[in-house]
N, C-alpha and C. Protein backbone atom coordinates (compact mmCIF):
# COMPACT_ATOMS: atom_id res chain seq x y z
N MET A 1 -89.90 144.37 172.79
CA MET A 1 -88.66 145.02 172.97
C MET A 1 -88.88 146.96 172.53
N ASP A 2 -88.60 147.47 173.41
CA ASP A 2 -88.88 148.85 173.03
C ASP A 2 -88.05 149.52 172.12
N LEU A 3 -88.30 149.97 170.82
CA LEU A 3 -87.34 150.50 170.16
C LEU A 3 -86.61 151.34 170.38
N GLY A 4 -87.30 152.48 171.57
CA GLY A 4 -86.57 153.34 172.14
C GLY A 4 -85.05 152.75 172.46
N ILE A 5 -85.24 152.03 173.17
CA ILE A 5 -84.28 151.06 174.13
C ILE A 5 -83.13 150.29 172.69
N ILE A 6 -83.88 149.76 171.92
CA ILE A 6 -82.98 149.50 170.98
C ILE A 6 -82.21 150.33 170.14
N GLY A 7 -82.76 151.60 169.79
CA GLY A 7 -81.98 152.90 169.12
C GLY A 7 -80.75 153.17 169.95
N GLN A 8 -80.85 152.98 171.72
CA GLN A 8 -80.07 153.58 172.61
C GLN A 8 -78.88 152.58 172.73
N ALA A 9 -79.29 151.70 172.70
CA ALA A 9 -78.43 149.99 172.85
C ALA A 9 -77.34 150.29 171.42
N ALA A 10 -78.09 150.58 170.51
CA ALA A 10 -77.31 150.61 169.11
C ALA A 10 -76.06 151.66 169.08
N GLY A 11 -76.81 152.89 169.20
CA GLY A 11 -76.22 153.72 169.74
C GLY A 11 -74.68 153.42 170.50
N LEU A 12 -75.15 153.41 171.59
CA LEU A 12 -74.18 152.88 173.01
C LEU A 12 -72.51 152.14 172.51
N PHE A 13 -73.24 151.03 171.87
CA PHE A 13 -72.43 149.77 171.21
C PHE A 13 -71.58 150.29 170.24
N ALA A 14 -72.17 151.41 169.22
CA ALA A 14 -71.46 151.82 168.08
C ALA A 14 -70.33 152.96 168.19
N VAL A 15 -70.67 153.92 169.41
CA VAL A 15 -69.88 154.71 170.02
C VAL A 15 -68.74 154.13 170.87
N THR A 16 -68.80 153.34 171.67
CA THR A 16 -67.57 152.48 172.42
C THR A 16 -67.11 151.50 171.89
N ASN A 17 -67.38 151.28 170.61
CA ASN A 17 -66.66 150.03 170.00
C ASN A 17 -66.38 150.03 168.80
N ILE A 18 -66.18 151.50 168.34
CA ILE A 18 -66.02 151.50 166.50
C ILE A 18 -64.52 151.30 166.32
N ASP A 19 -63.58 151.41 167.26
CA ASP A 19 -61.94 150.93 167.04
C ASP A 19 -62.19 149.37 166.70
N ASP A 20 -62.89 148.65 167.63
CA ASP A 20 -62.98 147.13 167.29
C ASP A 20 -62.85 146.52 165.95
N ILE A 21 -63.49 147.49 164.80
CA ILE A 21 -63.44 147.13 163.67
C ILE A 21 -62.41 147.17 162.87
N LEU A 22 -61.31 147.90 163.31
CA LEU A 22 -60.24 147.92 162.70
C LEU A 22 -59.56 146.68 163.25
N ILE A 23 -59.63 146.26 164.32
CA ILE A 23 -58.64 145.58 165.32
C ILE A 23 -59.07 143.94 164.87
N LEU A 24 -60.71 143.95 164.35
CA LEU A 24 -61.18 142.43 163.48
C LEU A 24 -60.58 142.49 162.30
N ALA A 25 -60.35 143.56 161.69
CA ALA A 25 -60.03 143.69 160.31
C ALA A 25 -58.46 142.97 160.45
N LEU A 26 -57.60 143.22 161.27
CA LEU A 26 -56.42 142.74 161.19
C LEU A 26 -56.17 141.26 161.36
N PHE A 27 -57.03 141.07 162.30
CA PHE A 27 -57.05 140.14 163.08
C PHE A 27 -57.65 138.86 161.59
N PHE A 28 -58.60 139.28 160.79
CA PHE A 28 -59.27 138.43 159.65
C PHE A 28 -58.17 138.53 158.76
N ALA A 29 -57.45 139.75 158.25
CA ALA A 29 -56.32 139.38 157.19
C ALA A 29 -55.19 138.15 158.09
N ARG A 30 -54.73 138.19 159.05
CA ARG A 30 -53.96 137.56 159.69
C ARG A 30 -54.35 136.21 159.37
N GLY A 31 -55.61 135.89 159.72
CA GLY A 31 -56.11 134.74 159.80
C GLY A 31 -56.39 134.02 158.27
N ALA A 32 -56.40 134.64 157.27
CA ALA A 32 -56.99 134.58 155.96
C ALA A 32 -56.44 133.31 155.20
N GLY A 33 -57.01 132.36 154.78
CA GLY A 33 -56.34 131.20 154.43
C GLY A 33 -56.10 130.08 155.23
N HIS A 34 -56.31 130.53 156.38
CA HIS A 34 -56.05 129.61 157.50
C HIS A 34 -57.31 128.76 158.10
N PRO A 35 -57.51 127.69 157.97
CA PRO A 35 -58.74 126.31 158.19
C PRO A 35 -59.53 127.23 159.81
N GLY A 36 -60.29 127.26 159.88
CA GLY A 36 -60.91 127.60 161.35
C GLY A 36 -60.47 128.90 162.10
N SER A 37 -60.27 129.94 160.72
CA SER A 37 -59.88 131.44 161.78
C SER A 37 -60.81 131.83 161.99
N THR A 38 -61.57 131.77 161.18
CA THR A 38 -62.91 132.93 161.20
C THR A 38 -63.53 132.37 162.23
N ARG A 39 -63.84 131.02 162.78
CA ARG A 39 -64.45 130.82 163.68
C ARG A 39 -63.80 131.04 164.97
N ARG A 40 -62.55 130.82 165.22
CA ARG A 40 -61.80 131.44 166.43
C ARG A 40 -61.92 132.93 166.75
N ILE A 41 -62.25 133.83 165.84
CA ILE A 41 -61.73 135.14 165.89
C ILE A 41 -63.40 135.49 166.09
N VAL A 42 -64.55 135.07 165.61
CA VAL A 42 -65.44 135.17 166.12
C VAL A 42 -65.95 134.66 167.72
N LEU A 43 -65.55 133.17 167.84
CA LEU A 43 -65.35 132.89 169.42
C LEU A 43 -64.94 133.81 170.02
N GLY A 44 -63.82 134.60 169.70
CA GLY A 44 -62.95 134.81 170.69
C GLY A 44 -63.14 136.53 171.03
N GLN A 45 -64.06 137.21 169.81
CA GLN A 45 -64.82 138.28 170.10
C GLN A 45 -65.81 138.34 170.83
N TYR A 46 -66.70 137.27 170.74
CA TYR A 46 -67.84 136.80 171.54
C TYR A 46 -67.73 136.57 173.26
N LEU A 47 -66.30 135.60 173.37
CA LEU A 47 -65.81 135.63 174.43
C LEU A 47 -65.36 137.09 175.43
N GLY A 48 -64.87 137.85 175.05
CA GLY A 48 -64.12 138.99 175.47
C GLY A 48 -65.32 139.86 175.61
N PHE A 49 -66.36 139.99 174.81
CA PHE A 49 -67.48 140.76 175.15
C PHE A 49 -68.46 140.47 176.04
N THR A 50 -68.41 138.93 176.03
CA THR A 50 -69.44 138.45 176.91
C THR A 50 -69.23 138.64 178.42
N ALA A 51 -67.74 138.65 178.34
CA ALA A 51 -66.80 138.78 179.74
C ALA A 51 -67.18 140.76 180.01
N ILE A 52 -66.82 141.61 179.25
CA ILE A 52 -67.05 142.84 179.71
C ILE A 52 -68.65 143.04 180.01
N LEU A 53 -69.66 142.40 179.35
CA LEU A 53 -71.10 142.55 180.01
C LEU A 53 -71.50 141.61 181.23
N ALA A 54 -70.75 140.63 181.60
CA ALA A 54 -70.72 140.01 182.66
C ALA A 54 -70.62 141.02 184.19
N VAL A 55 -69.18 141.57 183.80
CA VAL A 55 -68.41 142.43 184.45
C VAL A 55 -69.40 143.41 184.86
N ALA A 56 -69.67 144.24 184.02
CA ALA A 56 -70.82 145.21 183.80
C ALA A 56 -72.28 144.98 184.68
N VAL A 57 -72.54 144.02 184.24
CA VAL A 57 -74.13 143.87 184.62
C VAL A 57 -74.21 143.57 186.36
N ALA A 58 -72.59 142.82 186.40
CA ALA A 58 -72.56 142.59 188.13
C ALA A 58 -72.26 143.66 188.75
N ALA A 59 -71.72 144.61 188.14
CA ALA A 59 -71.30 145.72 188.65
C ALA A 59 -72.65 146.68 189.15
N ALA A 60 -73.59 146.79 188.11
CA ALA A 60 -74.76 147.12 188.17
C ALA A 60 -75.53 146.78 189.23
N PHE A 61 -75.43 145.73 189.44
CA PHE A 61 -76.23 144.95 190.65
C PHE A 61 -75.60 145.17 191.76
N GLY A 62 -74.44 146.01 192.26
CA GLY A 62 -73.51 146.23 193.42
C GLY A 62 -72.23 145.41 193.51
N ALA A 63 -72.31 144.33 192.57
CA ALA A 63 -70.76 143.58 192.51
C ALA A 63 -69.79 143.82 191.87
N THR A 64 -68.50 144.11 192.29
CA THR A 64 -67.13 144.52 191.67
C THR A 64 -66.28 143.04 192.03
N PHE A 65 -66.52 142.69 190.66
CA PHE A 65 -65.56 141.98 190.27
C PHE A 65 -63.80 142.39 190.04
N LEU A 66 -64.35 143.59 189.22
CA LEU A 66 -63.28 143.98 188.80
C LEU A 66 -62.76 145.68 189.30
N PRO A 67 -62.21 145.86 190.14
CA PRO A 67 -61.91 147.31 190.69
C PRO A 67 -61.68 148.36 189.83
N GLU A 68 -62.37 149.40 190.30
CA GLU A 68 -61.78 150.42 189.06
C GLU A 68 -60.28 150.89 189.09
N SER A 69 -59.61 150.35 189.90
CA SER A 69 -58.36 150.86 190.14
C SER A 69 -57.86 149.85 188.89
N ALA A 70 -58.15 148.59 188.95
CA ALA A 70 -57.67 147.78 188.06
C ALA A 70 -57.60 147.68 186.32
N VAL A 71 -58.46 148.50 186.19
CA VAL A 71 -58.94 148.43 184.58
C VAL A 71 -57.71 149.42 184.11
N PRO A 72 -57.05 150.21 184.16
CA PRO A 72 -56.05 150.37 183.53
C PRO A 72 -54.86 149.24 183.22
N TYR A 73 -54.44 148.68 184.15
CA TYR A 73 -53.49 147.54 183.73
C TYR A 73 -53.88 146.74 183.06
N LEU A 74 -55.53 146.34 182.63
CA LEU A 74 -55.69 145.51 181.39
C LEU A 74 -54.84 145.82 180.07
N GLY A 75 -54.50 147.15 180.06
CA GLY A 75 -53.45 147.25 178.76
C GLY A 75 -52.39 146.51 178.92
N LEU A 76 -51.89 145.77 179.96
CA LEU A 76 -50.86 145.03 179.68
C LEU A 76 -50.96 143.82 178.89
N LEU A 77 -52.44 143.43 178.77
CA LEU A 77 -52.67 142.13 177.65
C LEU A 77 -52.58 142.37 176.25
N PRO A 78 -53.19 143.49 175.60
CA PRO A 78 -52.77 143.77 174.27
C PRO A 78 -51.17 144.18 174.19
N LEU A 79 -50.57 144.74 175.25
CA LEU A 79 -49.38 145.41 175.19
C LEU A 79 -48.47 144.04 175.07
N ALA A 80 -48.58 143.01 175.86
CA ALA A 80 -47.96 141.79 175.80
C ALA A 80 -48.16 141.10 174.29
N LEU A 81 -49.43 140.58 174.34
CA LEU A 81 -49.68 140.15 172.74
C LEU A 81 -48.92 140.86 171.52
N GLY A 82 -48.99 142.35 171.68
CA GLY A 82 -48.30 143.14 170.84
C GLY A 82 -46.73 143.12 170.31
N LEU A 83 -46.17 142.85 171.47
CA LEU A 83 -44.80 142.66 171.48
C LEU A 83 -44.20 141.23 171.45
N LYS A 84 -45.58 140.19 171.50
CA LYS A 84 -44.92 138.81 171.24
C LYS A 84 -45.23 138.83 169.52
N ALA A 85 -46.12 139.68 169.08
CA ALA A 85 -46.47 139.64 167.63
C ALA A 85 -45.44 140.20 166.97
N ALA A 86 -44.42 141.33 167.32
CA ALA A 86 -43.55 142.09 166.96
C ALA A 86 -42.11 141.24 167.06
N ARG A 87 -42.29 140.60 167.91
CA ARG A 87 -41.09 139.16 167.96
C ARG A 87 -41.06 138.58 166.75
N GLN A 88 -42.23 138.03 166.75
CA GLN A 88 -42.61 137.00 165.60
C GLN A 88 -42.35 137.19 164.20
N ALA A 89 -42.93 138.36 164.08
CA ALA A 89 -42.60 139.14 162.63
C ALA A 89 -41.27 139.53 162.39
N TRP A 90 -40.37 139.99 163.57
CA TRP A 90 -39.21 140.12 163.39
C TRP A 90 -38.27 138.89 163.11
N LYS A 91 -38.51 137.63 163.98
CA LYS A 91 -37.81 136.76 163.49
C LYS A 91 -38.12 136.19 162.15
N SER A 92 -39.54 136.25 161.75
CA SER A 92 -39.97 135.44 160.09
C SER A 92 -39.25 136.50 159.09
N HIS A 93 -38.81 137.78 159.76
CA HIS A 93 -37.96 138.61 158.45
C HIS A 93 -37.00 138.33 158.28
N ARG A 94 -35.94 137.76 159.45
CA ARG A 94 -34.59 137.59 159.49
C ARG A 94 -34.69 136.07 159.12
N ASN A 95 -35.70 135.59 159.22
CA ASN A 95 -35.57 134.23 158.31
C ASN A 95 -35.83 133.91 157.25
N GLY A 96 -36.12 135.04 156.64
CA GLY A 96 -36.67 135.68 154.95
C GLY A 96 -37.99 134.62 154.72
N ALA A 97 -38.95 134.66 155.85
CA ALA A 97 -40.17 133.81 155.64
C ALA A 97 -41.07 135.19 155.09
N GLY A 98 -40.77 136.34 155.63
CA GLY A 98 -41.72 137.82 155.27
C GLY A 98 -42.86 137.31 155.62
N ASP A 99 -43.63 137.52 154.64
CA ASP A 99 -45.78 136.99 154.70
C ASP A 99 -45.52 135.90 154.91
N GLN A 100 -44.81 134.87 154.50
CA GLN A 100 -45.55 133.34 154.47
C GLN A 100 -45.71 132.67 155.17
N GLU A 101 -45.50 133.40 156.66
CA GLU A 101 -45.67 132.51 157.91
C GLU A 101 -46.66 133.78 158.57
N ASP A 102 -47.43 133.04 159.54
CA ASP A 102 -48.26 133.46 160.46
C ASP A 102 -47.44 134.35 161.56
N THR A 103 -47.61 135.75 161.59
CA THR A 103 -47.43 136.27 162.40
C THR A 103 -48.11 137.27 163.70
N GLY A 104 -49.25 136.76 163.63
CA GLY A 104 -50.33 137.28 164.15
C GLY A 104 -50.16 137.04 165.79
N ALA A 105 -50.79 137.98 166.59
CA ALA A 105 -50.52 137.93 168.19
C ALA A 105 -51.54 136.31 168.55
N GLY A 106 -50.62 135.16 169.21
CA GLY A 106 -51.26 134.47 169.71
C GLY A 106 -51.85 133.48 168.68
N ALA A 107 -51.01 132.98 167.81
CA ALA A 107 -50.91 132.16 166.28
C ALA A 107 -51.36 131.43 166.66
N GLU A 108 -52.44 129.98 166.27
CA GLU A 108 -52.77 128.89 166.47
C GLU A 108 -51.75 128.11 165.68
N PRO A 109 -51.60 126.58 166.04
CA PRO A 109 -50.62 125.91 165.27
C PRO A 109 -51.17 125.71 163.91
N GLY A 110 -52.24 125.99 163.84
CA GLY A 110 -53.12 125.61 162.24
C GLY A 110 -52.90 127.31 161.71
N GLY A 111 -52.29 128.13 162.29
CA GLY A 111 -52.43 129.58 161.47
C GLY A 111 -53.70 130.17 161.64
N GLY A 112 -53.40 131.66 161.91
CA GLY A 112 -54.10 132.67 162.47
C GLY A 112 -54.46 132.81 164.01
N PRO A 113 -54.95 133.85 164.51
CA PRO A 113 -54.94 134.02 165.88
C PRO A 113 -55.84 133.60 166.36
N GLY A 114 -55.49 133.11 167.72
CA GLY A 114 -56.14 131.92 168.57
C GLY A 114 -57.63 132.67 169.47
N ALA A 115 -58.41 131.73 169.38
CA ALA A 115 -59.78 132.66 170.52
C ALA A 115 -59.13 133.27 171.67
N LEU A 116 -58.36 133.12 172.39
CA LEU A 116 -58.20 133.48 173.43
C LEU A 116 -57.46 134.53 173.64
N GLU A 117 -56.52 134.73 172.71
CA GLU A 117 -55.97 135.88 172.12
C GLU A 117 -56.66 137.02 171.90
N VAL A 118 -58.03 136.44 170.80
CA VAL A 118 -58.64 137.66 170.64
C VAL A 118 -59.58 138.12 171.32
N ALA A 119 -60.07 137.25 172.38
CA ALA A 119 -60.79 137.58 173.49
C ALA A 119 -60.08 138.57 174.54
N ALA A 120 -58.81 137.91 174.51
CA ALA A 120 -58.01 139.11 176.00
C ALA A 120 -57.68 140.27 175.52
N VAL A 121 -57.99 140.52 173.89
CA VAL A 121 -57.80 141.67 173.24
C VAL A 121 -59.06 142.59 173.31
N THR A 122 -59.82 141.90 172.96
CA THR A 122 -61.38 142.56 172.86
C THR A 122 -61.97 143.03 174.70
N PHE A 123 -61.34 142.18 175.43
CA PHE A 123 -61.74 142.46 176.89
C PHE A 123 -60.93 143.62 177.46
N ALA A 124 -59.46 143.64 177.07
CA ALA A 124 -58.96 144.89 177.65
C ALA A 124 -58.75 146.17 176.98
N ASN A 125 -59.61 146.09 175.25
CA ASN A 125 -59.87 147.10 174.84
C ASN A 125 -61.27 148.13 175.42
N GLY A 126 -62.03 147.06 176.02
CA GLY A 126 -63.57 146.98 176.04
C GLY A 126 -63.48 147.57 177.82
N GLY A 127 -62.40 147.48 178.08
CA GLY A 127 -62.55 147.37 179.93
C GLY A 127 -62.90 148.73 180.29
N ASP A 128 -62.32 149.73 179.64
CA ASP A 128 -62.61 151.13 180.02
C ASP A 128 -64.39 151.33 179.59
N ASN A 129 -64.93 150.39 178.73
CA ASN A 129 -66.52 150.94 178.33
C ASN A 129 -67.18 150.56 180.07
N ILE A 130 -66.50 149.40 180.50
CA ILE A 130 -67.28 149.09 181.48
C ILE A 130 -68.03 150.44 182.63
N GLY A 131 -67.29 150.95 182.57
CA GLY A 131 -67.10 152.41 183.32
C GLY A 131 -68.74 152.83 182.79
N VAL A 132 -68.65 152.92 181.48
CA VAL A 132 -69.91 153.55 180.79
C VAL A 132 -71.49 152.82 180.67
N TYR A 133 -70.92 151.53 180.53
CA TYR A 133 -72.13 150.77 180.63
C TYR A 133 -72.73 150.80 182.21
N VAL A 134 -72.03 150.25 183.13
CA VAL A 134 -72.46 150.38 184.36
C VAL A 134 -73.92 151.14 185.03
N PRO A 135 -73.47 152.45 184.68
CA PRO A 135 -74.53 153.23 185.06
C PRO A 135 -75.74 153.21 184.12
N VAL A 136 -75.91 153.06 182.98
CA VAL A 136 -76.98 152.87 182.05
C VAL A 136 -77.72 151.36 182.44
N PHE A 137 -77.16 150.51 182.76
CA PHE A 137 -77.66 148.96 183.14
C PHE A 137 -78.06 149.27 184.29
N ALA A 138 -77.98 150.25 185.65
CA ALA A 138 -78.38 150.13 186.75
C ALA A 138 -79.43 151.21 186.81
N THR A 139 -80.02 152.06 185.59
CA THR A 139 -80.83 152.52 185.80
C THR A 139 -82.20 151.97 184.71
N ALA A 140 -81.58 151.03 183.89
CA ALA A 140 -81.99 150.42 182.80
C ALA A 140 -83.58 149.48 183.46
N GLY A 141 -83.07 148.96 184.41
CA GLY A 141 -84.00 147.66 184.92
C GLY A 141 -83.52 146.35 184.45
N ILE A 142 -84.36 145.36 184.85
CA ILE A 142 -83.70 144.17 184.69
C ILE A 142 -84.73 144.07 183.23
N GLY A 143 -85.44 144.25 182.71
CA GLY A 143 -85.99 144.25 181.51
C GLY A 143 -85.00 144.99 180.50
N GLY A 144 -84.82 146.25 180.47
CA GLY A 144 -84.01 147.33 179.94
C GLY A 144 -82.62 146.83 179.84
N MET A 145 -81.75 145.94 180.91
CA MET A 145 -80.59 145.58 180.85
C MET A 145 -80.77 144.26 179.95
N THR A 146 -81.72 143.56 180.32
CA THR A 146 -81.82 142.30 178.88
C THR A 146 -81.79 143.04 177.60
N ALA A 147 -82.39 143.80 177.10
CA ALA A 147 -82.66 144.45 176.18
C ALA A 147 -81.06 144.88 175.87
N TYR A 148 -80.30 145.38 176.17
CA TYR A 148 -79.21 146.16 175.98
C TYR A 148 -78.48 144.83 175.62
N ALA A 149 -78.70 143.79 176.32
CA ALA A 149 -77.17 142.90 176.31
C ALA A 149 -77.94 141.81 175.09
N VAL A 150 -78.71 141.80 174.43
CA VAL A 150 -79.36 141.34 173.13
C VAL A 150 -78.80 142.22 171.76
N VAL A 151 -79.11 143.33 172.05
CA VAL A 151 -78.49 144.33 171.01
C VAL A 151 -77.17 144.31 170.94
N PHE A 152 -76.19 144.09 171.84
CA PHE A 152 -74.89 144.71 172.08
C PHE A 152 -74.10 143.06 171.45
N LEU A 153 -75.22 141.99 172.00
CA LEU A 153 -74.66 140.65 171.39
C LEU A 153 -74.94 140.60 169.81
N THR A 154 -75.73 140.99 169.57
CA THR A 154 -76.40 140.86 168.08
C THR A 154 -75.48 141.85 167.23
N LEU A 155 -74.99 142.76 167.68
CA LEU A 155 -74.24 143.84 167.00
C LEU A 155 -72.58 143.28 167.18
N VAL A 156 -72.28 142.71 168.07
CA VAL A 156 -71.29 141.48 167.82
C VAL A 156 -70.96 141.03 166.58
N ALA A 157 -72.11 140.63 165.98
CA ALA A 157 -71.81 139.57 165.02
C ALA A 157 -71.87 140.45 163.61
N VAL A 158 -72.54 141.66 163.84
CA VAL A 158 -72.41 142.76 162.94
C VAL A 158 -71.00 143.32 162.62
N TRP A 159 -70.35 143.48 163.85
CA TRP A 159 -69.10 144.03 163.79
C TRP A 159 -68.14 142.89 163.37
N CYS A 160 -68.15 141.65 163.44
CA CYS A 160 -67.17 140.85 162.96
C CYS A 160 -67.71 140.45 161.52
N PHE A 161 -68.72 140.51 161.17
CA PHE A 161 -68.92 140.80 159.35
C PHE A 161 -68.44 141.84 158.98
N ALA A 162 -68.25 143.20 159.58
CA ALA A 162 -67.73 144.35 158.90
C ALA A 162 -66.12 144.27 158.88
N GLY A 163 -65.55 143.47 160.14
CA GLY A 163 -64.19 143.41 160.39
C GLY A 163 -63.91 142.54 159.11
N ARG A 164 -64.66 141.32 158.67
CA ARG A 164 -64.34 140.33 157.73
C ARG A 164 -64.50 140.93 156.62
N PHE A 165 -64.97 141.98 156.58
CA PHE A 165 -65.61 142.41 155.05
C PHE A 165 -64.84 143.34 154.42
N PHE A 166 -63.98 143.95 155.72
CA PHE A 166 -63.09 145.18 155.21
C PHE A 166 -61.85 144.37 154.80
N ALA A 167 -61.74 143.06 155.49
CA ALA A 167 -60.24 142.60 155.65
C ALA A 167 -60.82 141.83 154.12
N THR A 168 -61.47 141.61 153.44
CA THR A 168 -61.56 140.88 152.22
C THR A 168 -61.82 141.58 150.95
N ARG A 169 -61.92 143.42 151.16
CA ARG A 169 -61.93 143.85 150.01
C ARG A 169 -60.44 143.87 149.26
N PRO A 170 -60.51 143.34 148.03
CA PRO A 170 -59.22 143.31 147.15
C PRO A 170 -58.03 144.62 147.60
N VAL A 171 -58.58 145.79 147.42
CA VAL A 171 -57.44 146.70 147.52
C VAL A 171 -57.03 146.92 149.47
N VAL A 172 -57.95 146.70 150.18
CA VAL A 172 -57.63 146.59 151.94
C VAL A 172 -57.10 144.95 152.10
N ALA A 173 -57.32 144.14 151.14
CA ALA A 173 -56.57 142.96 151.67
C ALA A 173 -55.08 142.42 151.03
N ARG A 174 -55.29 143.26 149.64
CA ARG A 174 -53.31 143.51 149.52
C ARG A 174 -52.75 144.06 150.34
N ALA A 175 -53.51 145.32 150.53
CA ALA A 175 -52.80 146.25 152.18
C ALA A 175 -52.33 145.39 153.07
N LEU A 176 -53.36 144.85 153.55
CA LEU A 176 -52.89 143.97 155.23
C LEU A 176 -52.18 142.67 154.81
N ALA A 177 -52.22 142.26 153.77
CA ALA A 177 -51.45 140.97 153.56
C ALA A 177 -49.73 141.52 153.36
N ARG A 178 -50.03 142.48 152.92
CA ARG A 178 -48.21 143.38 152.75
C ARG A 178 -48.08 143.72 154.17
N TRP A 179 -48.91 144.43 154.79
CA TRP A 179 -48.33 145.22 156.35
C TRP A 179 -48.78 144.74 157.47
N GLY A 180 -50.15 143.88 157.26
CA GLY A 180 -50.92 143.13 158.31
C GLY A 180 -49.81 142.88 159.90
N HIS A 181 -48.93 142.19 159.09
CA HIS A 181 -47.63 141.73 160.07
C HIS A 181 -46.99 142.92 160.72
N VAL A 182 -47.03 144.16 160.37
CA VAL A 182 -46.47 145.21 161.06
C VAL A 182 -47.57 146.09 161.93
N LEU A 183 -48.55 146.36 161.00
CA LEU A 183 -49.44 146.90 161.40
C LEU A 183 -50.38 146.49 162.79
N LEU A 184 -50.74 144.92 162.91
CA LEU A 184 -51.34 144.13 164.05
C LEU A 184 -50.25 144.42 165.53
N PRO A 185 -49.09 143.98 165.38
CA PRO A 185 -48.38 144.73 166.59
C PRO A 185 -48.12 145.88 166.89
N LEU A 186 -48.22 146.85 165.91
CA LEU A 186 -48.32 148.41 166.38
C LEU A 186 -49.71 148.56 166.79
N VAL A 187 -50.94 148.20 166.66
CA VAL A 187 -52.04 148.54 166.88
C VAL A 187 -52.30 147.97 168.14
N LEU A 188 -51.69 146.72 168.53
CA LEU A 188 -51.87 146.15 169.84
C LEU A 188 -50.85 146.56 170.74
N ILE A 189 -49.67 147.04 170.70
CA ILE A 189 -49.09 147.75 171.47
C ILE A 189 -49.22 149.39 171.62
N GLY A 190 -50.13 149.99 170.79
CA GLY A 190 -50.67 151.29 170.86
C GLY A 190 -51.54 151.07 171.64
N ILE A 191 -52.55 150.09 171.58
CA ILE A 191 -53.68 150.15 172.42
C ILE A 191 -53.42 149.81 174.04
N GLY A 192 -52.68 148.99 174.12
CA GLY A 192 -52.19 148.89 175.23
C GLY A 192 -51.41 149.86 176.08
N LEU A 193 -50.82 150.72 175.59
CA LEU A 193 -50.13 151.75 175.93
C LEU A 193 -50.95 152.78 176.28
N LEU A 194 -52.07 153.24 175.29
CA LEU A 194 -53.03 154.17 175.48
C LEU A 194 -53.77 153.91 176.91
N ILE A 195 -54.20 152.62 176.74
CA ILE A 195 -55.03 152.18 178.09
C ILE A 195 -54.33 152.56 179.41
N LEU A 196 -52.66 151.85 179.50
CA LEU A 196 -52.23 152.00 180.74
C LEU A 196 -51.78 153.72 180.91
N VAL A 197 -51.58 154.66 179.90
CA VAL A 197 -51.26 155.69 179.89
C VAL A 197 -52.79 156.67 180.44
N GLU A 198 -53.92 156.21 180.07
CA GLU A 198 -55.08 157.13 179.99
C GLU A 198 -55.80 156.71 181.67
N GLY A 199 -55.10 155.41 181.93
CA GLY A 199 -55.54 155.03 183.23
C GLY A 199 -54.60 155.28 184.31
N GLY A 200 -53.36 156.52 184.12
CA GLY A 200 -52.84 156.68 185.22
C GLY A 200 -51.82 154.83 185.70
N ALA A 201 -52.18 153.78 185.03
CA ALA A 201 -51.29 153.00 185.25
C ALA A 201 -49.74 153.23 185.81
N PHE A 202 -49.17 152.72 186.59
CA PHE A 202 -47.70 152.87 187.35
C PHE A 202 -47.77 154.38 187.65
N GLY A 203 -48.75 154.92 187.91
CA GLY A 203 -48.27 156.23 187.68
C GLY A 203 -47.95 157.53 186.62
N LEU A 204 -48.28 156.50 185.44
CA LEU A 204 -48.09 157.20 184.55
C LEU A 204 -49.16 158.68 184.31
């Protein structure tokens, strides 16, 4: 595999996915202490990013499964999950449960975020990256496209590790344990609104 392509792929991934580390840290913080939550978060991240790659590769070959005009409306996914998480956090606060209960978006019965919810946020947050990846893939050829995909999927694991690393640092963990139930809904709602507004959805 050409080192030049590896470097380009790594740089492109980092630039287009830097905000995912914060989101992953919040998800890992909400899943702390819940068996299986790490596995679900990693699985969800891979599902979401694989979907992004699949759409970008298909578009590079001329197939359009996701019209450009539909991309801004992906903001509805994190917006809905953020509102759901905010409602759960408010209910827990009113019930006096505070941080005792998991209030993350799409929490599993056993606690922590669910894989499909993480995948939905990952896909929606990275939907605008598809427009960046398509011309790169289209000019890279089959070999180059394969190299990009391998590097991207490898770096997803690095991103998951980084998110979990930050979420488990004592100072960060204490802050997220105290405020994570507020930060996660705010971040998801903010991402959703940003995608909708920047994409001009609903004439915004």
